[in-house]
Amino acid sequence: MDFVSLHFLAFVLTAVVVQYVIPRRYRYLWMLLISWAFYWIAGGWYLILLIAVSVWTYLMGRLIGGSGISGKGKKWGLFAAVSVLLLLLGYFKYTGMLWDTALRFGAFLGLSAESRVLHIVLPLGLSFYLFQAIGYLIDCYRGKVEPERNFCILALFIGSFCQIVSGPIERAGNMLRQYREPERFDPERLRDALLLILWGYFQKIVIADRLSVIVNSVYGDPGRYAGTIVFLATVCYTMEIYCDFAGYSNIAIGIADLMGIRLMKNFDSPYLSLSVGEFWRRWHISLSSWFRDYLYIPLGGNRRGTARKMINVLIVFALSGLWHGSSWTFMLWGLYHGMLQVAGMLLKPVRDRVVTSLRIRREVWSHLFLKGIATFLFVNIGWILFRAESLSQSVTIFLSMWKPTPWVLMDGSLFQLGLAEADIRLLLFSLLVLGIVDVCNKRQIVVREVLGKQGIWIRWACYIAAILFVITCGVWGPGYDATSFIYSGF
């Protein structure tokens, strides 16, 4: 059941109405029921795997967080519990990649082997709900949360339909208490949640789905294009993946809000960052903070010297890249960002000396603008590895995108990439709106709150216009349908 469908909207409407009809103390049971029903519709028999993971996490959490075993026993219990979950992730997500790599290596050595391709279907949301389960177990071991005694509440934490497809990856300490006592109905909160959902659909079906047409045209046949067209396609993918994933996150957060549950913010104007480090504090915040709390800090973080800190950064980013997909290009994408962070650490003294010698004022607008452009370009280059189907294709695209062919902006070439002129004009207008909202967000100006303070006629005129715009532009356009969310495949 896709988030962008009338069936899903009807499902959510039913879920919300019933949620506020039944008593608060039983609402978690209703949320668990509809979450499992959603997963059954979307993931089929893999619902059994989700329930099995929930049972395993519940039992091991009680064991690890209980007082019946010693510290060493708890450590071995945590190791066993997490190992099982990681083995599940490894089997479903990486067996095919490792098998293909082994076959290629064998062929390189001249060994003959049966080249049977493994087709292992990745269960819906596996990477996301396993990470939530692992985080819960580690928090039980650390004593940050008490082991949950109510299996249904823990199962809901692991498999809530609001976030199981693509996150956010939440923390048990934030969610378990909310499921026990969801917030009461609040008209203002309802309005804010609906506006956030509407903004998410705007990002997804108005912007991301149109950008995907351009990206697929160029990346599907990169040898056919060169220069500025390839560069623009790469920028389009940079914006597509942001609008696609941030759009999903906003829809998920808004739906949870409708149910009386608050999820963490997952994106915070990432492309307005002034450094790669800041970008990762604003991009996919739930995953970045998960790797920080459960991998980077246990590895030693920055407490064991500069060299060890750099190694830890590279390890974390390499694994973060591999988490995103079963291809070595994803790991290279992660390593690329890790190396950018390491380079920033190494070059910081040099940068400071240059700034001091040239008397550069770091707070002036021009300096901040150049830092923002440089950061965007570095991030944009990294997305090539993320989108390309192979390392050789990513190299081809990278080398091709720098050939100057500015005349393609004027000779109609842009209209040969799958979008009509009207669609491109609409896309440019929508990206302008996106940029304005992101600038406001970075300056701590929440447009929804500002709009809510206006008079009733202005508010409702804006609401109706926004709804009609999203519905009309979401139906009219390339393919007359919405594609699935990119991150649902991870």
Protein backbone atom coordinates (compact mmCIF):
# COMPACT_ATOMS: atom_id res chain seq x y z
CA MET A 1 0.00 0.00 0.00
CA ASP A 2 1.77 3.11 -1.26
CA PHE A 3 1.65 6.32 0.77
CA VAL A 4 0.66 8.10 -2.46
CA SER A 5 -2.68 6.41 -3.06
CA LEU A 6 -6.35 6.89 -2.26
CA HIS A 7 -6.38 3.49 -0.56
CA PHE A 8 -3.76 4.68 1.91
CA LEU A 9 -5.58 7.94 2.59
CA ALA A 10 -8.77 5.98 3.31
CA PHE A 11 -6.75 3.66 5.57
CA VAL A 12 -5.34 6.63 7.53
CA LEU A 13 -8.74 8.30 7.82
CA THR A 14 -10.23 5.12 9.29
CA ALA A 15 -7.28 4.68 11.65
CA VAL A 16 -7.50 8.24 12.98
CA VAL A 17 -11.28 8.22 13.48
CA VAL A 18 -11.24 4.95 15.42
CA GLN A 19 -8.16 6.08 17.36
CA TYR A 20 -10.08 8.89 19.04
CA VAL A 21 -13.26 6.85 19.57
CA ILE A 22 -11.74 4.12 21.72
CA PRO A 23 -10.39 4.81 25.25
CA ARG A 24 -6.82 6.15 25.44
CA ARG A 25 -5.49 3.18 27.43
CA TYR A 26 -6.46 0.77 24.63
CA ARG A 27 -5.31 2.85 21.69
CA TYR A 28 -1.95 1.11 21.44
CA LEU A 29 -3.79 -2.14 20.70
CA TRP A 30 -5.65 -0.48 17.85
CA MET A 31 -2.42 1.03 16.49
CA LEU A 32 -0.70 -2.35 16.62
CA LEU A 33 -3.62 -4.02 14.84
CA ILE A 34 -3.68 -1.53 11.99
CA SER A 35 0.13 -1.54 11.78
CA TRP A 36 0.17 -5.30 11.29
CA ALA A 37 -2.74 -5.04 8.87
CA PHE A 38 -0.82 -2.40 6.90
CA TYR A 39 2.28 -4.58 6.83
CA TRP A 40 0.26 -7.62 5.73
CA ILE A 41 -1.21 -5.63 2.82
CA ALA A 42 2.16 -4.15 1.84
CA GLY A 43 4.59 -6.94 2.78
CA GLY A 44 2.54 -10.13 2.80
CA TRP A 45 3.91 -13.13 4.66
CA TYR A 46 6.95 -11.15 5.83
CA LEU A 47 4.63 -10.01 8.60
CA ILE A 48 5.65 -13.28 10.29
CA LEU A 49 9.28 -12.14 10.24
CA LEU A 50 8.29 -8.78 11.75
CA ILE A 51 6.40 -10.51 14.56
CA ALA A 52 9.30 -12.93 15.13
CA VAL A 53 11.74 -10.01 15.42
CA SER A 54 9.37 -8.34 17.89
CA VAL A 55 9.17 -11.50 20.02
CA TRP A 56 12.95 -11.96 19.96
CA THR A 57 13.56 -8.32 20.89
CA TYR A 58 11.00 -8.48 23.69
CA LEU A 59 12.48 -11.63 25.26
CA MET A 60 16.11 -10.53 24.92
CA GLY A 61 15.29 -7.06 26.23
CA ARG A 62 13.76 -8.59 29.36
CA LEU A 63 16.84 -10.76 29.76
CA ILE A 64 19.41 -8.03 29.15
CA GLY A 65 17.64 -5.40 31.21
CA GLY A 66 16.69 -7.72 34.07
CA SER A 67 18.53 -8.21 37.30
CA GLY A 68 18.80 -11.98 37.04
CA ILE A 69 22.14 -12.07 35.20
CA SER A 70 25.54 -10.51 35.84
CA GLY A 71 27.22 -7.74 33.88
CA LYS A 72 29.22 -10.21 31.79
CA GLY A 73 26.12 -12.26 31.15
CA LYS A 74 24.27 -9.15 29.99
CA LYS A 75 27.10 -8.33 27.61
CA TRP A 76 26.96 -11.80 26.05
CA GLY A 77 23.17 -11.59 25.93
CA LEU A 78 23.36 -8.28 24.08
CA PHE A 79 25.93 -9.75 21.69
CA ALA A 80 23.69 -12.74 20.92
CA ALA A 81 20.55 -10.61 20.54
CA VAL A 82 22.12 -8.07 18.20
CA SER A 83 24.00 -10.75 16.23
CA VAL A 84 20.76 -12.51 15.32
CA LEU A 85 19.23 -9.26 14.07
CA LEU A 86 22.34 -8.34 12.09
CA LEU A 87 22.45 -11.83 10.55
CA LEU A 88 18.87 -11.35 9.39
CA LEU A 89 19.80 -8.02 7.84
CA GLY A 90 22.88 -9.55 6.24
CA TYR A 91 21.01 -12.49 4.76
CA PHE A 92 18.16 -10.56 3.19
CA LYS A 93 20.11 -7.50 2.12
CA TYR A 94 23.69 -8.52 1.36
CA THR A 95 23.74 -12.21 0.40
CA GLY A 96 23.08 -11.42 -3.25
CA MET A 97 25.78 -8.74 -3.32
CA LEU A 98 28.38 -11.03 -1.71
CA TRP A 99 27.44 -13.91 -4.01
CA ASP A 100 27.78 -11.70 -7.09
CA THR A 101 31.13 -10.38 -5.83
CA ALA A 102 32.39 -13.92 -5.26
CA LEU A 103 31.39 -14.95 -8.78
CA ARG A 104 33.12 -11.94 -10.29
CA PHE A 105 36.26 -12.59 -8.26
CA GLY A 106 36.24 -16.24 -9.27
CA ALA A 107 35.90 -15.31 -12.93
CA PHE A 108 38.79 -12.87 -12.54
CA LEU A 109 40.95 -15.71 -11.20
CA GLY A 110 39.88 -17.96 -14.04
CA LEU A 111 37.80 -20.27 -11.87
CA SER A 112 34.65 -21.77 -13.32
CA ALA A 113 31.52 -21.68 -11.19
CA GLU A 114 27.82 -21.82 -11.69
CA SER A 115 26.70 -18.25 -12.21
CA ARG A 116 23.26 -18.68 -10.73
CA VAL A 117 21.82 -15.33 -9.66
CA LEU A 118 20.34 -15.21 -6.18
CA HIS A 119 16.95 -13.53 -5.90
CA ILE A 120 16.29 -12.74 -2.24
CA VAL A 121 13.40 -10.36 -1.70
CA LEU A 122 14.15 -7.64 0.85
CA PRO A 123 11.26 -7.45 3.36
CA LEU A 124 9.54 -4.09 3.57
CA GLY A 125 11.23 -1.73 6.03
CA LEU A 126 13.68 -4.38 7.31
CA SER A 127 16.64 -1.98 7.62
CA PHE A 128 14.53 0.48 9.58
CA TYR A 129 12.74 -1.76 12.06
CA LEU A 130 15.84 -3.86 12.77
CA PHE A 131 17.78 -0.71 13.68
CA GLN A 132 14.98 0.35 16.02
CA ALA A 133 15.09 -3.09 17.67
CA ILE A 134 18.88 -2.97 18.01
CA GLY A 135 18.74 0.53 19.50
CA TYR A 136 16.16 -0.65 22.05
CA LEU A 137 18.32 -3.62 23.10
CA ILE A 138 21.40 -1.43 23.53
CA ASP A 139 19.41 1.09 25.56
CA CYS A 140 18.18 -1.76 27.79
CA TYR A 141 21.79 -2.88 28.31
CA ARG A 142 22.91 0.67 29.10
CA GLY A 143 20.01 1.18 31.49
CA LYS A 144 18.59 4.10 29.51
CA VAL A 145 15.19 2.43 29.29
CA GLU A 146 13.45 -0.15 31.40
CA PRO A 147 12.69 -3.40 29.56
CA GLU A 148 9.15 -3.10 28.22
CA ARG A 149 6.84 -5.56 29.96
CA ASN A 150 3.94 -5.08 27.56
CA PHE A 151 4.74 -7.03 24.40
CA CYS A 152 2.14 -5.18 22.33
CA ILE A 153 3.67 -1.79 23.09
CA LEU A 154 7.14 -2.99 22.14
CA ALA A 155 5.78 -4.63 18.98
CA LEU A 156 4.13 -1.33 18.09
CA PHE A 157 7.41 0.52 18.64
CA ILE A 158 9.16 -1.83 16.23
CA GLY A 159 6.43 -2.05 13.60
CA SER A 160 4.32 1.12 13.64
CA PHE A 161 2.83 1.67 10.18
CA CYS A 162 3.64 5.39 10.35
CA GLN A 163 7.38 4.83 10.10
CA ILE A 164 8.13 1.23 9.20
CA VAL A 165 8.54 1.90 5.47
CA SER A 166 11.32 4.52 5.67
CA GLY A 167 11.64 5.77 9.24
CA PRO A 168 12.35 8.01 11.05
CA ILE A 169 14.38 5.56 13.12
CA GLU A 170 13.14 6.40 16.59
CA ARG A 171 14.40 5.79 20.14
CA ALA A 172 12.57 3.63 22.64
CA GLY A 173 12.89 6.29 25.34
CA ASN A 174 10.91 8.72 23.22
CA MET A 175 8.25 6.36 21.89
CA LEU A 176 7.28 3.74 24.51
CA ARG A 177 5.79 6.28 26.91
CA GLN A 178 3.83 7.91 24.07
CA TYR A 179 2.28 4.61 23.04
CA ARG A 180 1.18 4.02 26.62
CA GLU A 181 -0.42 7.48 26.83
CA PRO A 182 -1.03 9.05 23.41
CA GLU A 183 -1.92 12.73 23.48
CA ARG A 184 -5.54 13.87 23.46
CA PHE A 185 -7.29 15.32 20.44
CA ASP A 186 -6.20 18.90 19.70
CA PRO A 187 -7.71 20.85 16.74
CA GLU A 188 -4.61 23.03 16.32
CA ARG A 189 -2.35 19.98 16.30
CA LEU A 190 -4.67 18.34 13.76
CA ARG A 191 -4.40 21.37 11.48
CA ASP A 192 -0.61 21.46 11.81
CA ALA A 193 -0.32 17.74 11.05
CA LEU A 194 -2.53 18.02 7.95
CA LEU A 195 -0.46 20.93 6.65
CA LEU A 196 2.74 18.94 7.18
CA ILE A 197 1.26 15.99 5.31
CA LEU A 198 0.19 18.29 2.48
CA TRP A 199 3.73 19.73 2.32
CA GLY A 200 5.11 16.20 2.15
CA TYR A 201 2.86 15.36 -0.80
CA PHE A 202 3.93 18.61 -2.49
CA GLN A 203 7.57 17.60 -2.15
CA LYS A 204 6.89 14.09 -3.42
CA ILE A 205 4.34 14.24 -6.23
CA VAL A 206 4.85 17.80 -7.47
CA ILE A 207 8.66 18.05 -7.29
CA ALA A 208 10.35 14.66 -6.82
CA ASP A 209 8.26 12.74 -9.34
CA ARG A 210 8.88 15.34 -12.04
CA LEU A 211 12.60 15.50 -11.32
CA SER A 212 12.76 11.69 -11.58
CA VAL A 213 11.69 11.89 -15.24
CA ILE A 214 14.73 14.03 -16.10
CA VAL A 215 17.09 11.93 -13.97
CA ASN A 216 15.90 8.63 -15.42
CA SER A 217 16.24 9.94 -18.98
CA VAL A 218 19.88 10.96 -18.52
CA TYR A 219 21.10 8.24 -16.14
CA GLY A 220 19.33 5.58 -18.19
CA ASP A 221 21.57 6.39 -21.16
CA PRO A 222 24.46 8.55 -19.91
CA GLY A 223 26.49 8.06 -23.09
CA ARG A 224 23.86 9.94 -25.08
CA TYR A 225 24.29 13.16 -23.12
CA ALA A 226 27.23 15.32 -22.14
CA GLY A 227 28.21 18.48 -20.37
CA THR A 228 25.59 20.77 -18.91
CA ILE A 229 22.72 18.30 -19.41
CA VAL A 230 24.51 15.69 -17.28
CA PHE A 231 25.39 18.29 -14.65
CA LEU A 232 21.76 19.45 -14.47
CA ALA A 233 20.55 15.85 -14.23
CA THR A 234 22.86 15.30 -11.28
CA VAL A 235 21.55 18.43 -9.59
CA CYS A 236 18.03 17.20 -10.34
CA TYR A 237 18.77 13.93 -8.56
CA THR A 238 20.22 15.86 -5.63
CA MET A 239 16.90 17.65 -5.29
CA GLU A 240 14.83 14.57 -6.15
CA ILE A 241 16.19 12.39 -3.37
CA TYR A 242 15.76 15.23 -0.89
CA CYS A 243 12.15 15.96 -1.86
CA ASP A 244 11.34 12.26 -2.09
CA PHE A 245 12.73 11.25 1.31
CA ALA A 246 11.90 14.47 3.16
CA GLY A 247 8.42 14.28 1.63
CA TYR A 248 7.94 10.76 2.98
CA SER A 249 9.27 11.79 6.38
CA ASN A 250 6.89 14.74 6.59
CA ILE A 251 3.94 12.54 5.65
CA ALA A 252 4.96 9.93 8.25
CA ILE A 253 5.50 12.53 10.99
CA GLY A 254 2.19 14.19 10.14
CA ILE A 255 0.25 10.91 10.24
CA ALA A 256 1.80 9.99 13.58
CA ASP A 257 0.81 13.44 14.83
CA LEU A 258 -2.78 12.74 13.78
CA MET A 259 -2.63 9.60 15.94
CA GLY A 260 -1.37 11.58 18.97
CA ILE A 261 2.27 10.46 18.57
CA ARG A 262 5.22 12.81 18.05
CA LEU A 263 8.10 11.59 15.87
CA MET A 264 11.50 13.26 15.66
CA LYS A 265 12.35 15.71 12.89
CA ASN A 266 14.27 13.96 10.12
CA PHE A 267 15.38 16.82 7.84
CA ASP A 268 16.35 20.39 8.62
CA SER A 269 17.15 22.33 5.42
CA PRO A 270 20.22 20.16 4.65
CA TYR A 271 21.19 21.88 1.39
CA LEU A 272 21.66 25.17 3.21
CA SER A 273 24.53 23.67 5.19
CA LEU A 274 27.91 25.41 5.23
CA SER A 275 29.98 22.24 5.63
CA VAL A 276 29.66 18.51 5.00
CA GLY A 277 29.62 17.93 8.75
CA GLU A 278 26.68 20.31 9.12
CA PHE A 279 24.96 18.59 6.19
CA TRP A 280 24.99 15.30 8.10
CA ARG A 281 23.53 17.00 11.16
CA ARG A 282 20.61 18.10 8.98
CA TRP A 283 20.18 15.13 6.61
CA HIS A 284 18.38 11.94 7.69
CA ILE A 285 18.83 13.04 11.30
CA SER A 286 17.39 9.86 12.79
CA LEU A 287 19.90 7.61 11.00
CA SER A 288 22.88 9.93 11.51
CA SER A 289 22.19 10.20 15.23
CA TRP A 290 21.63 6.41 15.42
CA PHE A 291 25.11 5.72 14.02
CA ARG A 292 26.56 8.35 16.32
CA ASP A 293 24.95 6.92 19.47
CA TYR A 294 25.24 3.20 18.77
CA LEU A 295 28.42 2.92 16.70
CA TYR A 296 30.62 6.03 16.66
CA ILE A 297 30.59 6.62 20.43
CA PRO A 298 31.10 2.90 21.33
CA LEU A 299 34.06 2.83 18.92
CA GLY A 300 35.64 5.59 21.00
CA GLY A 301 34.26 8.65 19.23
CA ASN A 302 36.74 11.50 19.57
CA ARG A 303 38.01 10.40 22.98
CA ARG A 304 41.04 8.41 21.81
CA GLY A 305 43.02 10.91 19.79
CA THR A 306 42.76 12.48 16.35
CA ALA A 307 43.91 9.45 14.35
CA ARG A 308 41.42 7.12 16.04
CA LYS A 309 38.67 9.70 15.57
CA MET A 310 39.34 9.79 11.82
CA ILE A 311 39.32 5.99 11.59
CA ASN A 312 36.03 5.90 13.49
CA VAL A 313 34.52 8.46 11.13
CA LEU A 314 35.54 6.39 8.09
CA ILE A 315 34.13 3.19 9.61
CA VAL A 316 30.83 4.82 10.48
CA PHE A 317 30.35 6.43 7.08
CA ALA A 318 31.35 3.28 5.20
CA LEU A 319 28.77 1.24 7.13
CA SER A 320 26.22 4.01 6.77
CA GLY A 321 26.71 3.89 3.02
CA LEU A 322 26.40 0.11 2.95
CA TRP A 323 23.21 0.35 5.04
CA HIS A 324 21.60 2.29 2.21
CA GLY A 325 21.94 -0.47 -0.35
CA SER A 326 23.46 -3.80 -1.34
CA SER A 327 26.06 -2.42 -3.73
CA TRP A 328 29.67 -1.42 -3.32
CA THR A 329 28.88 1.98 -4.82
CA PHE A 330 26.83 2.75 -1.70
CA MET A 331 29.80 1.97 0.52
CA LEU A 332 32.01 4.15 -1.69
CA TRP A 333 29.45 6.92 -1.33
CA GLY A 334 29.70 6.60 2.43
CA LEU A 335 33.50 6.53 2.32
CA TYR A 336 33.46 9.60 0.11
CA HIS A 337 31.57 11.53 2.78
CA GLY A 338 33.81 10.11 5.49
CA MET A 339 36.90 11.25 3.62
CA LEU A 340 35.41 14.71 3.19
CA GLN A 341 34.99 14.89 6.96
CA VAL A 342 38.56 13.68 7.54
CA ALA A 343 39.89 16.17 4.98
CA GLY A 344 38.02 18.92 6.79
CA MET A 345 39.70 17.96 10.07
CA LEU A 346 43.17 17.82 8.52
CA LEU A 347 42.84 21.08 6.60
CA LYS A 348 41.26 23.09 9.39
CA PRO A 349 44.61 24.56 10.64
CA VAL A 350 45.49 25.54 7.06
CA ARG A 351 42.11 27.17 6.53
CA ASP A 352 42.42 29.07 9.80
CA ARG A 353 45.87 30.36 8.81
CA VAL A 354 44.65 31.47 5.37
CA VAL A 355 41.64 33.24 6.89
CA THR A 356 43.87 35.01 9.42
CA SER A 357 46.53 35.97 6.86
CA LEU A 358 44.05 37.33 4.32
CA ARG A 359 41.88 38.90 7.04
CA ILE A 360 38.80 37.17 5.75
CA ARG A 361 35.66 37.85 7.75
CA ARG A 362 33.91 34.53 8.13
CA GLU A 363 30.59 36.05 9.12
CA VAL A 364 30.07 38.14 5.96
CA TRP A 365 27.39 37.03 3.51
CA SER A 366 29.75 36.47 0.56
CA HIS A 367 31.96 34.07 2.53
CA LEU A 368 28.95 32.12 3.84
CA PHE A 369 27.50 31.96 0.33
CA LEU A 370 30.71 30.49 -1.12
CA LYS A 371 30.88 27.92 1.68
CA GLY A 372 27.27 26.94 0.99
CA ILE A 373 27.90 26.55 -2.76
CA ALA A 374 31.06 24.49 -2.16
CA THR A 375 29.23 22.21 0.29
CA PHE A 376 26.34 21.73 -2.14
CA LEU A 377 28.75 20.80 -4.96
CA PHE A 378 30.59 18.26 -2.81
CA VAL A 379 27.29 16.67 -1.75
CA ASN A 380 26.03 16.78 -5.34
CA ILE A 381 29.08 14.89 -6.59
CA GLY A 382 28.56 12.23 -3.95
CA TRP A 383 25.00 11.56 -5.12
CA ILE A 384 26.43 10.33 -8.44
CA LEU A 385 27.76 7.23 -6.67
CA PHE A 386 24.42 6.83 -4.93
CA ARG A 387 22.37 6.95 -8.14
CA ALA A 388 24.66 5.31 -10.70
CA GLU A 389 24.15 1.61 -11.39
CA SER A 390 27.87 0.85 -11.35
CA LEU A 391 31.21 2.43 -10.53
CA SER A 392 32.09 2.71 -14.23
CA GLN A 393 28.85 4.57 -14.93
CA SER A 394 29.50 6.96 -12.06
CA VAL A 395 32.98 7.71 -13.45
CA THR A 396 31.51 8.30 -16.90
CA ILE A 397 28.93 10.71 -15.51
CA PHE A 398 31.46 12.53 -13.34
CA LEU A 399 33.86 13.09 -16.26
CA SER A 400 31.08 14.09 -18.62
CA MET A 401 29.30 16.62 -16.40
CA TRP A 402 32.15 19.14 -16.46
CA LYS A 403 32.22 19.63 -20.25
CA PRO A 404 30.81 23.14 -20.82
CA THR A 405 27.79 23.06 -23.15
CA PRO A 406 25.75 26.08 -22.00
CA TRP A 407 23.88 26.36 -25.30
CA VAL A 408 21.66 23.43 -24.26
CA LEU A 409 19.90 25.86 -21.94
CA MET A 410 18.61 27.80 -24.93
CA ASP A 411 18.25 25.33 -27.84
CA GLY A 412 15.32 23.31 -26.46
CA SER A 413 17.40 20.32 -25.31
CA LEU A 414 15.85 20.51 -21.85
CA PHE A 415 12.45 19.73 -23.36
CA GLN A 416 13.77 16.47 -24.80
CA LEU A 417 14.24 14.87 -21.37
CA GLY A 418 10.66 13.72 -20.83
CA LEU A 419 9.07 16.88 -19.46
CA ALA A 420 6.98 19.38 -21.40
CA GLU A 421 7.69 23.08 -21.15
CA ALA A 422 4.74 23.60 -18.80
CA ASP A 423 6.07 20.90 -16.46
CA ILE A 424 9.51 22.49 -16.37
CA ARG A 425 8.03 25.90 -15.56
CA LEU A 426 5.95 24.34 -12.80
CA LEU A 427 9.04 22.55 -11.52
CA LEU A 428 11.10 25.74 -11.36
CA PHE A 429 8.30 27.53 -9.49
CA SER A 430 7.95 24.62 -7.04
CA LEU A 431 11.70 24.54 -6.39
CA LEU A 432 11.57 28.27 -5.66
CA VAL A 433 8.81 27.65 -3.10
CA LEU A 434 10.87 24.82 -1.59
CA GLY A 435 13.91 27.10 -1.28
CA ILE A 436 11.91 29.86 0.41
CA VAL A 437 10.43 27.41 2.95
CA ASP A 438 13.86 25.90 3.68
CA VAL A 439 15.37 29.34 4.26
CA CYS A 440 12.52 30.14 6.64
CA ASN A 441 13.03 26.83 8.47
CA LYS A 442 16.73 27.51 8.91
CA ARG A 443 15.87 30.89 10.40
CA GLN A 444 13.47 29.15 12.82
CA ILE A 445 10.41 30.50 11.00
CA VAL A 446 7.78 27.77 10.68
CA VAL A 447 5.52 28.70 7.78
CA ARG A 448 2.64 26.57 9.11
CA GLU A 449 2.67 28.47 12.40
CA VAL A 450 2.85 31.84 10.67
CA LEU A 451 -0.07 30.88 8.46
CA GLY A 452 -2.06 29.70 11.49
CA LYS A 453 -1.84 33.18 13.03
CA GLN A 454 -3.51 34.88 10.07
CA GLY A 455 -7.18 35.75 9.78
CA ILE A 456 -9.66 33.00 8.99
CA TRP A 457 -10.25 34.17 5.39
CA ILE A 458 -6.54 34.32 4.57
CA ARG A 459 -5.90 30.97 6.24
CA TRP A 460 -8.64 29.10 4.43
CA ALA A 461 -7.88 30.73 1.10
CA CYS A 462 -4.29 29.49 1.44
CA TYR A 463 -5.40 26.03 2.58
CA ILE A 464 -7.82 25.54 -0.30
CA ALA A 465 -5.36 26.91 -2.87
CA ALA A 466 -2.58 24.62 -1.60
CA ILE A 467 -4.81 21.53 -1.63
CA LEU A 468 -6.07 22.25 -5.16
CA PHE A 469 -2.52 22.94 -6.35
CA VAL A 470 -1.11 19.68 -4.97
CA ILE A 471 -4.02 17.59 -6.20
CA THR A 472 -4.05 19.15 -9.66
CA CYS A 473 -0.29 19.10 -10.19
CA GLY A 474 0.01 15.65 -8.67
CA VAL A 475 -2.45 14.21 -11.18
CA TRP A 476 -1.48 16.29 -14.20
CA GLY A 477 2.04 15.56 -15.22
CA PRO A 478 4.47 12.97 -16.54
CA GLY A 479 2.99 9.49 -16.42
CA TYR A 480 -0.11 10.73 -14.53
CA ASP A 481 0.98 8.63 -11.56
CA ALA A 482 3.33 8.80 -8.59
CA THR A 483 6.39 6.62 -8.34
CA SER A 484 7.24 4.80 -5.15
CA PHE A 485 9.45 6.42 -2.53
CA ILE A 486 13.18 5.97 -3.14
CA TYR A 487 14.05 5.12 0.46
CA SER A 488 11.38 2.40 0.69
CA GLY A 489 13.91 0.23 -1.16
CA PHE A 490 16.52 0.56 1.57
